[in-house]
C-alpha cells in the first residue's frame, strides 16, 4: 500500500518544485525571437538574457546572443566604412551552428 502512496506524493513534489522557470524561459525566449524577427536586437537581448537567467546553460540562447552581438558589431563596422571588419563579424554570425 505504501508503494501506491509514494508515487503520487513524488509526482506532487516534482510538480511543486517547478518554480515557473520553464514558463519564464519559454516566454522570454519566444519574445526574444519575436524581437529578432522585428530586427529590434536591443530588446531581443533583454528577453534572451531573461531566458538565460532561467536556463543559464541553454546553448541555443547563448548562440543567439553571440549572433546578435556580432551582427551589431558588423553594422557598426559597416557604418564606419570598415567593410572587411564587417564581413568578419558577419562570418561569425553565419558560422554559429545553433542560432
Protein backbone atom coordinates (compact mmCIF):
# COMPACT_ATOMS: atom_id res chain seq x y z
CA UNK A 1 0.00 0.00 0.00
CA UNK A 2 2.80 2.43 0.80
CA UNK A 3 4.23 1.91 -2.71
CA UNK A 4 1.00 3.21 -4.18
CA UNK A 5 1.12 6.24 -1.94
CA UNK A 6 4.74 7.04 -2.71
CA UNK A 7 4.24 7.64 -6.44
CA UNK A 8 1.52 10.30 -6.10
CA UNK A 9 3.50 12.06 -3.38
CA UNK A 10 6.59 12.10 -5.59
CA UNK A 11 4.59 13.46 -8.51
CA UNK A 12 3.21 16.26 -6.35
CA UNK A 13 6.68 17.12 -5.09
CA UNK A 14 8.18 17.16 -8.58
CA UNK A 15 5.48 19.42 -9.98
CA UNK A 16 5.59 21.67 -6.93
CA UNK A 17 9.34 22.10 -7.36
CA UNK A 18 8.82 23.68 -10.77
CA UNK A 19 9.13 27.30 -9.74
CA UNK A 20 7.98 28.67 -13.07
CA UNK A 21 11.42 28.75 -14.68
CA UNK A 22 10.17 26.76 -17.68
CA UNK A 23 7.40 29.27 -18.26
CA UNK A 24 9.79 32.19 -17.82
CA UNK A 25 12.28 30.60 -20.20
CA UNK A 26 9.71 29.79 -22.88
CA UNK A 27 8.08 33.20 -22.72
CA UNK A 28 11.36 35.12 -22.68
CA UNK A 29 12.90 33.01 -25.44
CA UNK A 30 9.87 33.47 -27.69
CA UNK A 31 9.81 37.21 -27.02
CA UNK A 32 13.49 37.31 -27.94
CA UNK A 33 12.79 35.50 -31.21
CA UNK A 34 9.91 37.87 -31.97
CA UNK A 35 12.17 40.89 -31.49
CA UNK A 36 14.88 39.34 -33.65
CA UNK A 37 12.29 38.87 -36.41
CA UNK A 38 11.32 42.54 -35.99
CA UNK A 39 15.04 43.48 -36.15
CA UNK A 40 14.81 45.00 -32.66
CA UNK A 41 18.03 43.46 -31.42
CA UNK A 42 18.38 45.55 -28.28
CA UNK A 43 15.05 44.31 -26.93
CA UNK A 44 15.81 40.80 -28.16
CA UNK A 45 18.93 40.82 -26.00
CA UNK A 46 16.89 41.81 -22.95
CA UNK A 47 14.49 38.90 -23.39
CA UNK A 48 17.23 36.41 -24.21
CA UNK A 49 19.10 37.48 -21.05
CA UNK A 50 15.94 36.67 -19.10
CA UNK A 51 15.81 33.28 -20.81
CA UNK A 52 19.44 32.69 -19.82
CA UNK A 53 18.63 33.61 -16.23
CA UNK A 54 16.07 30.80 -16.26
CA UNK A 55 18.34 28.35 -18.13
CA UNK A 56 21.96 29.51 -17.90
CA UNK A 57 23.35 26.59 -19.91
CA UNK A 58 20.93 26.77 -22.84
CA UNK A 59 23.24 26.65 -25.85
CA UNK A 60 20.69 27.91 -28.36
CA UNK A 61 20.09 31.07 -26.33
CA UNK A 62 23.83 31.54 -25.82
CA UNK A 63 24.36 31.21 -29.58
CA UNK A 64 21.60 33.69 -30.39
CA UNK A 65 23.15 36.22 -28.00
CA UNK A 66 26.51 35.65 -29.70
CA UNK A 67 24.96 36.23 -33.12
CA UNK A 68 23.20 39.42 -32.05
CA UNK A 69 26.40 40.81 -30.55
CA UNK A 70 28.43 40.13 -33.69
CA UNK A 71 25.68 41.30 -36.04
CA UNK A 72 25.58 44.62 -34.19
CA UNK A 73 29.36 44.87 -34.45
CA UNK A 74 29.11 44.16 -38.19
CA UNK A 75 26.65 47.02 -38.60
CA UNK A 76 28.90 49.38 -36.63
CA UNK A 77 31.90 48.47 -38.81
CA UNK A 78 29.81 48.87 -41.96
CA UNK A 79 28.59 52.31 -40.87
CA UNK A 80 32.23 53.38 -40.38
CA UNK A 81 33.18 52.07 -43.81
CA UNK A 82 35.19 49.19 -42.32
CA UNK A 83 33.84 46.62 -44.73
CA UNK A 84 36.43 43.89 -44.14
CA UNK A 85 35.79 44.03 -40.39
CA UNK A 86 32.07 43.98 -41.04
CA UNK A 87 32.41 40.84 -43.16
CA UNK A 88 34.49 39.15 -40.44
CA UNK A 89 31.75 39.80 -37.90
CA UNK A 90 29.10 38.52 -40.30
CA UNK A 91 31.13 35.35 -40.83
CA UNK A 92 30.99 34.78 -37.07
CA UNK A 93 27.20 35.16 -37.22
CA UNK A 94 26.84 32.75 -40.12
CA UNK A 95 29.23 30.16 -38.69
CA UNK A 96 27.24 29.81 -35.46
CA UNK A 97 25.57 26.40 -35.54
CA UNK A 98 22.63 26.64 -33.14
CA UNK A 99 21.47 30.18 -33.74
